[in-house]
């Protein structure tokens, strides 16, 4: 039961509410009890003053010897309060008068200890108020000493606390009934609200449990896009979008890889079958077959190496080996090595790398990138065309531009040129006739540039040719090794 979030939320809510209600009830009880006691003491002190005022007034008007007793009796007759008794004691602690006739007839028998401990207290004591037991009830006793005529007297005011206790008992009973009812109602309402609030989570979890590789196109329902659960559903849907794209790219990657690997493997198998189909062949025929096998094996090896490089790049397991060298010299060396290939196709290869470009980077990877871009430019430039490479320094980065005079890439295909195995149809036909690659060169080149914190982009492509621009930071102190997204 406690595994349910709804139950745990309800229990926490109920526990906190119970604590709040109990603390509030106890605090209210003690505050009201204190205020009631203060109001009682104030009222007793006021009626005591009123009683004494009446006594003094009556004594002043009386001329007889028993004027004091007569004044006290008159004050007793005028001050009749419910649950309140006035007792006047003389200086020896004997009762002079009382508003309760039963006490007068019983002398001190009804007061007992109250009279004894009250004698000598009052204004001369620490506290004139005290709660005592009188006639089986809690009673608030107030002692007040006063002098009149030639005598000293003590006024005792005894007021029953029965009504205050009834009020506090009623308050306690009300709290005892109201708090459990409030807790039960709040618990039921809290569980209902928790269940209703978390119902989208249950629905999302059920829907997520049904989503698999075959139905990644399905999405979680979003009832309210503005609340937290709506944000959670949207985030999960974005995750499904990325997974769906990754699965689609993986499927396309596998299909393209299978297509690229199938051709050289088929040629290898076919040529081997032809070579072995005849019991006796001339050395020239065997040599021709072996040359075909060698070409296709190299092509297959090149594809596999590129795939391995991309796989390691995807996993972030292709570290950079940093060395200090001059980028302009590396570009010049690569152009010199590729000039033979350009001359064979009657293509002019120009290299403009006059500025010094010191850099700390992975020389082997940058060489691979430069050769890939040069090979791509030469491959797609018709005979008699021109390929130009230019180096320059701009702000805090190095720029290398690779320009050719080929037919260019159509605008609708330009966003896909860095995808793996992607090649435009016309370029594909030329590349396959030349024994070209598998469409992985640009993807690998882009990863190499990004690994060094730079950027590779297609700056221009039209009927007059294409231009690729490589931008590298002048200082690559701690380059990041990005993981290639599968759509590249």
Protein backbone atom coordinates (compact mmCIF):
# COMPACT_ATOMS: atom_id res chain seq x y z
CA UNK A 1 0.00 0.00 0.00
CA UNK A 2 2.84 2.39 0.83
CA UNK A 3 4.34 1.84 -2.63
CA UNK A 4 1.63 4.08 -4.07
CA UNK A 5 2.55 7.73 -4.43
CA UNK A 6 -1.09 8.69 -3.93
CA UNK A 7 -1.22 6.90 -0.57
CA UNK A 8 2.07 8.42 0.59
CA UNK A 9 0.97 11.90 -0.43
CA UNK A 10 -2.33 11.43 1.39
CA UNK A 11 -0.62 10.17 4.54
CA UNK A 12 1.88 13.03 4.56
CA UNK A 13 -0.91 15.53 3.98
CA UNK A 14 -3.03 13.96 6.73
CA UNK A 15 -0.12 13.88 9.19
CA UNK A 16 0.75 17.53 8.57
CA UNK A 17 -2.89 18.58 8.80
CA UNK A 18 -3.35 16.61 12.03
CA UNK A 19 -0.30 18.25 13.56
CA UNK A 20 -1.49 21.70 12.52
CA UNK A 21 -5.01 21.13 13.88
CA UNK A 22 -3.77 19.68 17.18
CA UNK A 23 -1.28 22.52 17.70
CA UNK A 24 -3.97 25.07 16.81
CA UNK A 25 -6.51 23.43 19.16
CA UNK A 26 -4.09 23.22 22.09
CA UNK A 27 -2.92 26.78 21.55
CA UNK A 28 -6.50 28.02 21.33
CA UNK A 29 -7.45 26.13 24.49
CA UNK A 30 -4.61 27.59 26.57
CA UNK A 31 -5.10 31.11 25.20
CA UNK A 32 -8.83 31.06 25.99
CA UNK A 33 -8.21 29.57 29.43
CA UNK A 34 -5.67 32.26 30.22
CA UNK A 35 -7.94 35.04 28.94
CA UNK A 36 -10.89 33.62 30.89
CA UNK A 37 -8.80 33.55 34.08
CA UNK A 38 -7.69 37.13 33.51
CA UNK A 39 -11.23 38.32 32.89
CA UNK A 40 -12.42 36.48 36.02
CA UNK A 41 -9.72 38.05 38.19
CA UNK A 42 -10.45 41.50 36.78
CA UNK A 43 -14.18 41.11 37.41
CA UNK A 44 -13.57 39.88 40.98
CA UNK A 45 -11.26 42.82 41.72
CA UNK A 46 -13.82 45.27 40.32
CA UNK A 47 -16.74 43.91 42.35
CA UNK A 48 -14.52 43.84 45.43
CA UNK A 49 -13.76 47.55 44.95
CA UNK A 50 -17.46 48.22 44.43
CA UNK A 51 -18.26 46.29 47.62
CA UNK A 52 -15.74 48.28 49.65
CA UNK A 53 -16.98 51.55 48.19
CA UNK A 54 -20.48 50.69 49.37
CA UNK A 55 -19.17 49.72 52.82
CA UNK A 56 -17.35 53.04 53.25
CA UNK A 57 -20.36 54.97 52.08
CA UNK A 58 -22.71 53.20 54.48
CA UNK A 59 -20.32 53.54 57.43
CA UNK A 60 -19.95 57.28 56.76
CA UNK A 61 -23.73 57.66 56.80
CA UNK A 62 -24.17 55.57 59.95
CA UNK A 63 -23.77 57.21 63.39
CA UNK A 64 -24.27 54.18 65.62
CA UNK A 65 -21.75 51.96 67.38
CA UNK A 66 -22.51 49.10 65.00
CA UNK A 67 -22.04 51.30 61.96
CA UNK A 68 -19.28 49.10 60.49
CA UNK A 69 -21.26 45.89 60.78
CA UNK A 70 -24.38 47.65 59.46
CA UNK A 71 -22.43 49.02 56.50
CA UNK A 72 -21.02 45.58 55.69
CA UNK A 73 -24.49 44.02 55.94
CA UNK A 74 -25.89 46.72 53.68
CA UNK A 75 -23.12 46.10 51.11
CA UNK A 76 -23.89 42.35 51.23
CA UNK A 77 -27.54 43.06 50.57
CA UNK A 78 -26.75 45.31 47.61
CA UNK A 79 -24.16 43.08 45.95
CA UNK A 80 -25.84 39.89 44.88
CA UNK A 81 -23.93 38.07 42.17
CA UNK A 82 -24.45 34.59 40.83
CA UNK A 83 -21.87 32.08 42.09
CA UNK A 84 -20.16 34.82 44.12
CA UNK A 85 -19.85 34.94 47.91
CA UNK A 86 -18.57 37.92 49.97
CA UNK A 87 -17.01 37.19 53.36
CA UNK A 88 -15.67 39.86 55.72
CA UNK A 89 -13.27 38.85 58.50
CA UNK A 90 -12.12 40.92 61.41
CA UNK A 91 -8.53 41.38 62.50
CA UNK A 92 -8.61 38.11 64.45
CA UNK A 93 -9.82 36.11 61.47
CA UNK A 94 -13.40 35.76 62.72
CA UNK A 95 -16.27 36.14 60.30
CA UNK A 96 -18.01 39.48 60.58
CA UNK A 97 -20.50 39.04 57.77
CA UNK A 98 -21.16 36.91 54.71
CA UNK A 99 -23.49 37.19 51.73
CA UNK A 100 -24.17 33.44 52.12
CA UNK A 101 -26.51 32.95 55.08
CA UNK A 102 -25.49 29.32 55.41
CA UNK A 103 -21.94 30.40 56.13
CA UNK A 104 -23.18 32.95 58.67
CA UNK A 105 -25.14 30.32 60.55
CA UNK A 106 -22.23 27.87 60.41
CA UNK A 107 -19.63 30.43 61.42
CA UNK A 108 -16.36 29.16 59.91
CA UNK A 109 -17.37 25.57 59.31
CA UNK A 110 -18.06 26.06 55.61
CA UNK A 111 -14.82 27.89 54.94
CA UNK A 112 -12.33 25.97 57.00
CA UNK A 113 -8.87 26.17 55.59
CA UNK A 114 -9.81 29.00 53.21
CA UNK A 115 -10.30 31.39 56.12
CA UNK A 116 -7.15 30.29 57.90
CA UNK A 117 -4.79 30.63 54.96
CA UNK A 118 -6.44 33.87 53.84
CA UNK A 119 -5.81 35.56 57.17
CA UNK A 120 -2.87 37.87 56.79
CA UNK A 121 -2.71 37.73 53.01
CA UNK A 122 -4.23 40.11 50.49
CA UNK A 123 -2.39 43.21 49.66
CA UNK A 124 0.38 42.21 52.06
CA UNK A 125 0.79 38.79 50.35
CA UNK A 126 2.45 37.77 47.14
CA UNK A 127 -0.76 37.12 45.26
CA UNK A 128 -4.27 37.98 46.44
CA UNK A 129 -5.78 35.51 43.96
CA UNK A 130 -5.82 31.77 44.49
CA UNK A 131 -7.84 28.87 43.19
CA UNK A 132 -9.29 26.76 46.03
CA UNK A 133 -11.85 24.04 46.56
CA UNK A 134 -15.11 25.32 48.03
CA UNK A 135 -18.19 23.14 48.37
CA UNK A 136 -16.69 20.60 46.04
CA UNK A 137 -16.03 23.06 43.21
CA UNK A 138 -13.06 25.00 41.96
CA UNK A 139 -13.39 28.52 43.25
CA UNK A 140 -11.40 31.65 42.64
CA UNK A 141 -10.61 33.38 45.96
CA UNK A 142 -9.65 37.05 46.20
CA UNK A 143 -8.39 38.50 49.53
CA UNK A 144 -8.44 42.25 50.15
CA UNK A 145 -7.43 43.94 53.45
CA UNK A 146 -9.05 47.22 54.31
CA UNK A 147 -9.35 49.49 57.34
CA UNK A 148 -12.43 51.32 58.40
CA UNK A 149 -13.03 53.19 61.58
CA UNK A 150 -10.66 51.82 64.20
CA UNK A 151 -10.62 48.24 62.90
CA UNK A 152 -8.78 46.20 60.27
CA UNK A 153 -10.77 43.78 58.16
CA UNK A 154 -10.26 41.31 55.33
CA UNK A 155 -12.68 40.96 52.41
CA UNK A 156 -12.83 37.54 50.74
CA UNK A 157 -14.55 37.23 47.38
CA UNK A 158 -15.25 33.63 46.38
CA UNK A 159 -16.42 33.11 42.81
CA UNK A 160 -17.18 29.68 41.39
CA UNK A 161 -15.26 28.67 38.26
CA UNK A 162 -17.99 26.30 37.22
CA UNK A 163 -19.07 28.31 34.18
CA UNK A 164 -15.51 28.80 32.96
CA UNK A 165 -14.86 25.08 33.32
CA UNK A 166 -18.04 24.28 31.45
CA UNK A 167 -16.95 26.56 28.63
CA UNK A 168 -13.49 24.97 28.43
CA UNK A 169 -15.00 21.48 28.56
CA UNK A 170 -17.39 22.40 25.75
CA UNK A 171 -14.46 23.77 23.76
CA UNK A 172 -12.46 20.57 24.35
CA UNK A 173 -15.43 18.45 23.28
CA UNK A 174 -15.89 20.55 20.14
CA UNK A 175 -12.22 20.15 19.26
CA UNK A 176 -12.37 16.41 19.99
CA UNK A 177 -15.27 16.03 17.58
CA UNK A 178 -14.27 18.54 14.92
CA UNK A 179 -10.63 17.57 14.50
CA UNK A 180 -11.23 13.86 13.65
CA UNK A 181 -14.05 14.81 11.27
CA UNK A 182 -11.85 17.43 9.60
CA UNK A 183 -9.00 14.93 9.30
CA UNK A 184 -11.27 12.29 7.77
CA UNK A 185 -12.75 14.75 5.28
CA UNK A 186 -9.34 16.19 4.44
CA UNK A 187 -7.84 12.71 4.02
CA UNK A 188 -10.63 11.65 1.69
CA UNK A 189 -10.39 14.89 -0.26
CA UNK A 190 -6.60 14.70 -0.34
CA UNK A 191 -6.65 11.15 -1.66
CA UNK A 192 -9.21 12.13 -4.30
CA UNK A 193 -7.15 15.14 -5.39
CA UNK A 194 -3.91 13.12 -5.38
CA UNK A 195 -5.54 10.39 -7.43
CA UNK A 196 -6.99 12.88 -9.87
CA UNK A 197 -3.75 14.85 -10.11
CA UNK A 198 -1.63 11.75 -10.67
CA UNK A 199 -4.05 10.09 -13.09
CA UNK A 200 -2.17 11.64 -16.06
CA UNK A 201 1.01 10.02 -14.74
CA UNK A 202 -0.71 6.63 -14.63
CA UNK A 203 -2.02 7.18 -18.13
CA UNK A 204 1.41 8.27 -19.34
CA UNK A 205 3.09 5.24 -17.77
CA UNK A 206 0.55 2.91 -19.38
CA UNK A 207 1.04 4.57 -22.75
CA UNK A 208 4.82 4.54 -22.35
CA UNK A 209 4.68 0.83 -21.52
CA UNK A 210 2.93 0.16 -24.85
CA UNK A 211 5.46 2.12 -26.92
CA UNK A 212 8.16 0.03 -28.53
CA UNK A 213 10.41 0.01 -31.56
CA UNK A 214 7.46 -0.80 -33.82
CA UNK A 215 5.26 2.12 -32.70
CA UNK A 216 7.68 4.88 -31.80
CA UNK A 217 5.46 7.29 -33.73
CA UNK A 218 2.91 7.24 -30.88
CA UNK A 219 3.06 9.99 -28.29
CA UNK A 220 1.88 10.59 -24.74
CA UNK A 221 -1.29 12.63 -24.27
CA UNK A 222 -0.82 16.19 -23.02
CA UNK A 223 -3.93 17.48 -21.24
CA UNK A 224 -2.47 20.71 -19.87
CA UNK A 225 0.75 21.89 -21.44
CA UNK A 226 1.22 24.60 -18.80
CA UNK A 227 1.48 22.49 -15.63
CA UNK A 228 4.31 20.27 -14.41
CA UNK A 229 2.78 17.04 -15.70
CA UNK A 230 2.25 18.66 -19.08
CA UNK A 231 5.91 19.65 -19.16
CA UNK A 232 6.84 16.07 -18.22
CA UNK A 233 4.69 14.66 -21.02
CA UNK A 234 6.16 17.12 -23.51
CA UNK A 235 9.71 16.28 -22.43
CA UNK A 236 8.95 12.57 -22.80
CA UNK A 237 7.43 13.19 -26.24
CA UNK A 238 10.55 15.11 -27.28
CA UNK A 239 12.60 12.14 -26.08
CA UNK A 240 10.43 9.83 -28.19
CA UNK A 241 10.95 12.16 -31.16
CA UNK A 242 14.70 11.90 -30.74
CA UNK A 243 14.52 8.14 -30.31
CA UNK A 244 12.31 7.84 -33.36
CA UNK A 245 14.76 9.90 -35.38
CA UNK A 246 17.68 7.85 -34.05
CA UNK A 247 15.94 4.59 -34.94
CA UNK A 248 15.12 5.94 -38.39
CA UNK A 249 18.70 7.08 -38.92
CA UNK A 250 19.99 3.72 -37.71
CA UNK A 251 17.67 1.85 -40.06
CA UNK A 252 18.69 4.08 -42.95
CA UNK A 253 22.34 3.75 -41.96
CA UNK A 254 22.09 -0.05 -41.93
CA UNK A 255 20.29 -0.06 -45.26
CA UNK A 256 22.86 2.27 -46.84
CA UNK A 257 25.76 0.35 -45.34
CA UNK A 258 24.31 -2.92 -46.62
CA UNK A 259 23.87 -1.39 -50.06
CA UNK A 260 27.42 -0.05 -50.16
CA UNK A 261 28.95 -3.27 -48.90
CA UNK A 262 26.83 -5.48 -51.15
CA UNK A 263 28.32 -4.15 -54.40
CA UNK A 264 32.03 -4.83 -53.72
CA UNK A 265 31.21 -8.14 -52.03
CA UNK A 266 29.12 -9.20 -55.02
CA UNK A 267 31.95 -8.21 -57.38
CA UNK A 268 34.48 -10.14 -55.28
CA UNK A 269 32.32 -13.25 -55.20
CA UNK A 270 31.45 -12.98 -58.91
CA UNK A 271 35.00 -12.47 -60.04
CA UNK A 272 36.22 -15.33 -57.85
CA UNK A 273 33.52 -17.61 -59.28
CA UNK A 274 34.54 -16.64 -62.81
CA UNK A 275 38.21 -17.25 -62.06
CA UNK A 276 37.45 -20.67 -60.59
CA UNK A 277 34.86 -21.71 -63.14
CA UNK A 278 37.43 -22.72 -65.73
CA UNK A 279 39.97 -25.43 -64.94
CA UNK A 280 42.74 -23.71 -66.84
CA UNK A 281 43.25 -20.00 -67.60
CA UNK A 282 46.12 -17.93 -68.83
CA UNK A 283 48.27 -16.00 -66.34
CA UNK A 284 47.01 -12.75 -67.89
CA UNK A 285 43.38 -13.73 -67.16
CA UNK A 286 44.21 -14.64 -63.59
CA UNK A 287 46.11 -11.38 -63.19
CA UNK A 288 43.16 -9.38 -64.53
CA UNK A 289 40.83 -11.14 -62.07
CA UNK A 290 43.22 -10.51 -59.19
CA UNK A 291 43.46 -6.83 -60.13
CA UNK A 292 39.67 -6.57 -60.03
CA UNK A 293 39.62 -8.36 -56.68
CA UNK A 294 42.33 -6.03 -55.38
CA UNK A 295 40.44 -2.89 -56.41
CA UNK A 296 37.18 -4.05 -54.85
CA UNK A 297 38.95 -5.30 -51.74
CA UNK A 298 40.58 -1.90 -51.28
CA UNK A 299 37.24 -0.23 -51.79
CA UNK A 300 35.66 -2.56 -49.25
CA UNK A 301 38.55 -1.93 -46.82
CA UNK A 302 38.10 1.82 -47.23
CA UNK A 303 34.36 1.58 -46.48
CA UNK A 304 34.95 -0.60 -43.41
CA UNK A 305 37.64 1.76 -42.07
CA UNK A 306 35.34 4.74 -42.51
CA UNK A 307 32.53 2.90 -40.75
CA UNK A 308 34.86 2.01 -37.90
CA UNK A 309 35.98 5.63 -37.59
CA UNK A 310 32.38 6.83 -37.46
CA UNK A 311 31.46 4.16 -34.93
CA UNK A 312 34.27 5.20 -32.60
CA UNK A 313 33.31 8.83 -33.09
CA UNK A 314 29.69 8.06 -32.18
CA UNK A 315 30.86 6.36 -28.98
CA UNK A 316 33.26 9.20 -28.13
CA UNK A 317 36.18 6.77 -28.15
CA UNK A 318 38.36 8.45 -30.77
CA UNK A 319 40.84 10.57 -28.76
CA UNK A 320 42.85 13.35 -30.32
CA UNK A 321 46.63 13.17 -30.41
CA UNK A 322 47.70 16.79 -30.08
CA UNK A 323 50.93 18.05 -31.57
CA UNK A 324 52.29 21.45 -32.57
CA UNK A 325 52.63 22.04 -36.32
CA UNK A 326 51.88 24.56 -39.07
CA UNK A 327 48.50 24.18 -40.69
CA UNK A 328 49.60 25.95 -43.88
CA UNK A 329 52.41 23.44 -44.39
CA UNK A 330 49.98 20.54 -43.90
CA UNK A 331 47.61 22.00 -46.52
CA UNK A 332 50.53 22.43 -48.95
CA UNK A 333 51.67 18.82 -48.45
CA UNK A 334 48.17 17.47 -49.01
CA UNK A 335 47.77 19.50 -52.20
CA UNK A 336 51.13 18.25 -53.45
CA UNK A 337 50.16 14.62 -52.82
CA UNK A 338 46.77 15.07 -54.55
CA UNK A 339 48.17 16.91 -57.59
CA UNK A 340 48.93 13.61 -59.36
CA UNK A 341 45.25 12.59 -59.08
CA UNK A 342 44.16 16.01 -60.38
CA UNK A 343 46.63 15.85 -63.30
CA UNK A 344 45.30 12.41 -64.28
CA UNK A 345 41.86 14.00 -64.73
CA UNK A 346 43.28 17.09 -66.45
CA UNK A 347 42.26 19.29 -63.52
CA UNK A 348 44.27 22.28 -62.37
CA UNK A 349 44.94 22.27 -58.62
CA UNK A 350 45.97 25.61 -57.10
CA UNK A 351 47.06 26.04 -53.49
CA UNK A 352 47.38 29.43 -51.79
CA UNK A 353 48.87 28.93 -48.29
CA UNK A 354 51.25 31.85 -47.77
CA UNK A 355 50.52 32.88 -44.18
CA UNK A 356 52.00 31.03 -41.24
CA UNK A 357 49.28 29.18 -39.31
CA UNK A 358 50.72 27.53 -36.16
CA UNK A 359 48.27 25.27 -34.39
CA UNK A 360 48.10 22.54 -31.75
CA UNK A 361 45.82 19.79 -33.03
CA UNK A 362 45.67 16.20 -34.26
CA UNK A 363 47.75 16.31 -37.44
CA UNK A 364 46.67 12.90 -38.74
CA UNK A 365 42.96 13.68 -38.45
CA UNK A 366 43.34 17.11 -40.05
CA UNK A 367 45.33 15.52 -42.89
CA UNK A 368 42.49 12.99 -43.35
CA UNK A 369 39.97 15.84 -43.48
CA UNK A 370 41.96 17.88 -46.03
CA UNK A 371 42.53 14.85 -48.28
CA UNK A 372 38.83 13.96 -48.10
CA UNK A 373 37.78 17.46 -49.19
CA UNK A 374 40.40 17.57 -51.96
CA UNK A 375 39.38 14.13 -53.20
CA UNK A 376 35.73 15.17 -53.13
CA UNK A 377 36.48 18.35 -55.13
CA UNK A 378 38.61 16.53 -57.72
CA UNK A 379 36.14 13.68 -58.05
CA UNK A 380 33.18 15.90 -58.88
CA UNK A 381 35.05 18.36 -61.12
CA UNK A 382 34.89 17.55 -64.85
CA UNK A 383 38.11 17.28 -66.92
CA UNK A 384 39.58 20.66 -67.70
CA UNK A 385 38.18 22.16 -64.53
CA UNK A 386 39.92 23.82 -61.63
CA UNK A 387 40.22 23.14 -57.89
CA UNK A 388 41.52 25.89 -55.61
CA UNK A 389 42.57 25.77 -51.94
CA UNK A 390 43.12 29.00 -50.00
CA UNK A 391 44.23 29.56 -46.38
CA UNK A 392 43.65 32.68 -44.35
CA UNK A 393 43.60 34.07 -40.82
CA UNK A 394 40.46 35.84 -39.60
CA UNK A 395 40.09 37.13 -36.04
CA UNK A 396 40.94 34.14 -33.81
CA UNK A 397 40.42 31.38 -36.35
CA UNK A 398 41.94 29.84 -39.43
CA UNK A 399 39.88 29.52 -42.62
CA UNK A 400 40.55 26.96 -45.35
CA UNK A 401 38.37 27.13 -48.49
CA UNK A 402 38.08 24.34 -51.06
CA UNK A 403 36.57 25.54 -54.35
CA UNK A 404 35.86 23.56 -57.52
CA UNK A 405 34.24 24.21 -60.91
CA UNK A 406 31.90 21.24 -60.89
CA UNK A 407 28.18 21.24 -61.60
CA UNK A 408 27.31 22.07 -57.99
CA UNK A 409 24.67 20.58 -55.74
CA UNK A 410 20.97 21.31 -56.14
CA UNK A 411 19.48 23.46 -53.35
CA UNK A 412 17.08 20.74 -52.17
CA UNK A 413 19.98 18.32 -51.64
CA UNK A 414 22.40 20.72 -49.95
CA UNK A 415 21.02 20.21 -46.38
CA UNK A 416 21.74 16.46 -46.68
CA UNK A 417 25.29 16.49 -48.00
CA UNK A 418 26.79 15.71 -44.57
CA UNK A 419 24.54 12.68 -44.04
CA UNK A 420 26.21 9.30 -44.13
CA UNK A 421 26.10 7.47 -47.46
CA UNK A 422 24.34 10.40 -49.09
CA UNK A 423 25.35 11.24 -52.64
CA UNK A 424 23.51 13.07 -55.36
CA UNK A 425 22.51 10.76 -58.23
CA UNK A 426 24.76 12.36 -60.88
CA UNK A 427 27.71 12.47 -58.52
CA UNK A 428 27.04 8.85 -57.57
CA UNK A 429 27.24 7.68 -61.16
CA UNK A 430 30.52 9.50 -61.73
CA UNK A 431 31.98 8.26 -58.47
CA UNK A 432 31.10 4.63 -59.11
CA UNK A 433 32.62 4.81 -62.59
CA UNK A 434 35.79 6.17 -60.99
CA UNK A 435 35.77 3.67 -58.21
CA UNK A 436 34.64 6.39 -55.76
CA UNK A 437 33.82 6.19 -52.11
CA UNK A 438 30.67 5.36 -50.24
CA UNK A 439 29.49 8.86 -49.31
CA UNK A 440 31.17 8.96 -45.89
CA UNK A 441 33.96 11.46 -46.59
CA UNK A 442 32.01 14.64 -45.78
CA UNK A 443 30.51 13.09 -42.66
CA UNK A 444 33.95 12.10 -41.35
CA UNK A 445 35.42 15.48 -42.30
CA UNK A 446 32.70 17.31 -40.43
CA UNK A 447 33.31 15.22 -37.31
CA UNK A 448 37.07 15.93 -37.46
CA UNK A 449 36.47 19.68 -37.69
CA UNK A 450 33.93 19.61 -34.86
CA UNK A 451 36.30 17.54 -32.71
CA UNK A 452 38.74 20.45 -32.95
CA UNK A 453 36.09 23.01 -32.02
CA UNK A 454 35.68 24.25 -35.58
CA UNK A 455 33.02 24.26 -38.26
CA UNK A 456 32.69 22.81 -41.76
CA UNK A 457 30.03 24.25 -44.03
CA UNK A 458 29.03 24.49 -47.66
CA UNK A 459 29.58 28.17 -48.40
CA UNK A 460 28.46 28.15 -52.04
CA UNK A 461 27.12 25.69 -54.57
CA UNK A 462 25.69 26.57 -57.96
CA UNK A 463 26.21 25.79 -61.64
CA UNK A 464 29.69 27.35 -61.46
CA UNK A 465 30.88 24.98 -58.76
CA UNK A 466 30.95 24.50 -54.97
CA UNK A 467 32.97 25.97 -52.09
CA UNK A 468 33.49 24.29 -48.72
CA UNK A 469 34.91 26.34 -45.83
CA UNK A 470 36.72 24.93 -42.81
CA UNK A 471 37.02 27.22 -39.78
CA UNK A 472 39.36 26.15 -36.96
CA UNK A 473 40.27 28.05 -33.78
CA UNK A 474 43.85 29.25 -33.69
CA UNK A 475 44.36 27.54 -30.31
CA UNK A 476 42.95 24.09 -29.62
CA UNK A 477 44.10 23.57 -26.04
CA UNK A 478 41.55 21.04 -24.85
CA UNK A 479 39.35 20.09 -27.79
CA UNK A 480 36.07 18.36 -27.18
CA UNK A 481 35.39 15.00 -28.76
CA UNK A 482 31.76 15.26 -29.83
CA UNK A 483 29.67 12.20 -30.38
CA UNK A 484 28.36 12.18 -33.90
CA UNK A 485 24.60 12.20 -34.14
CA UNK A 486 23.48 9.36 -36.38
CA UNK A 487 22.01 11.74 -38.93
CA UNK A 488 25.46 12.82 -40.08
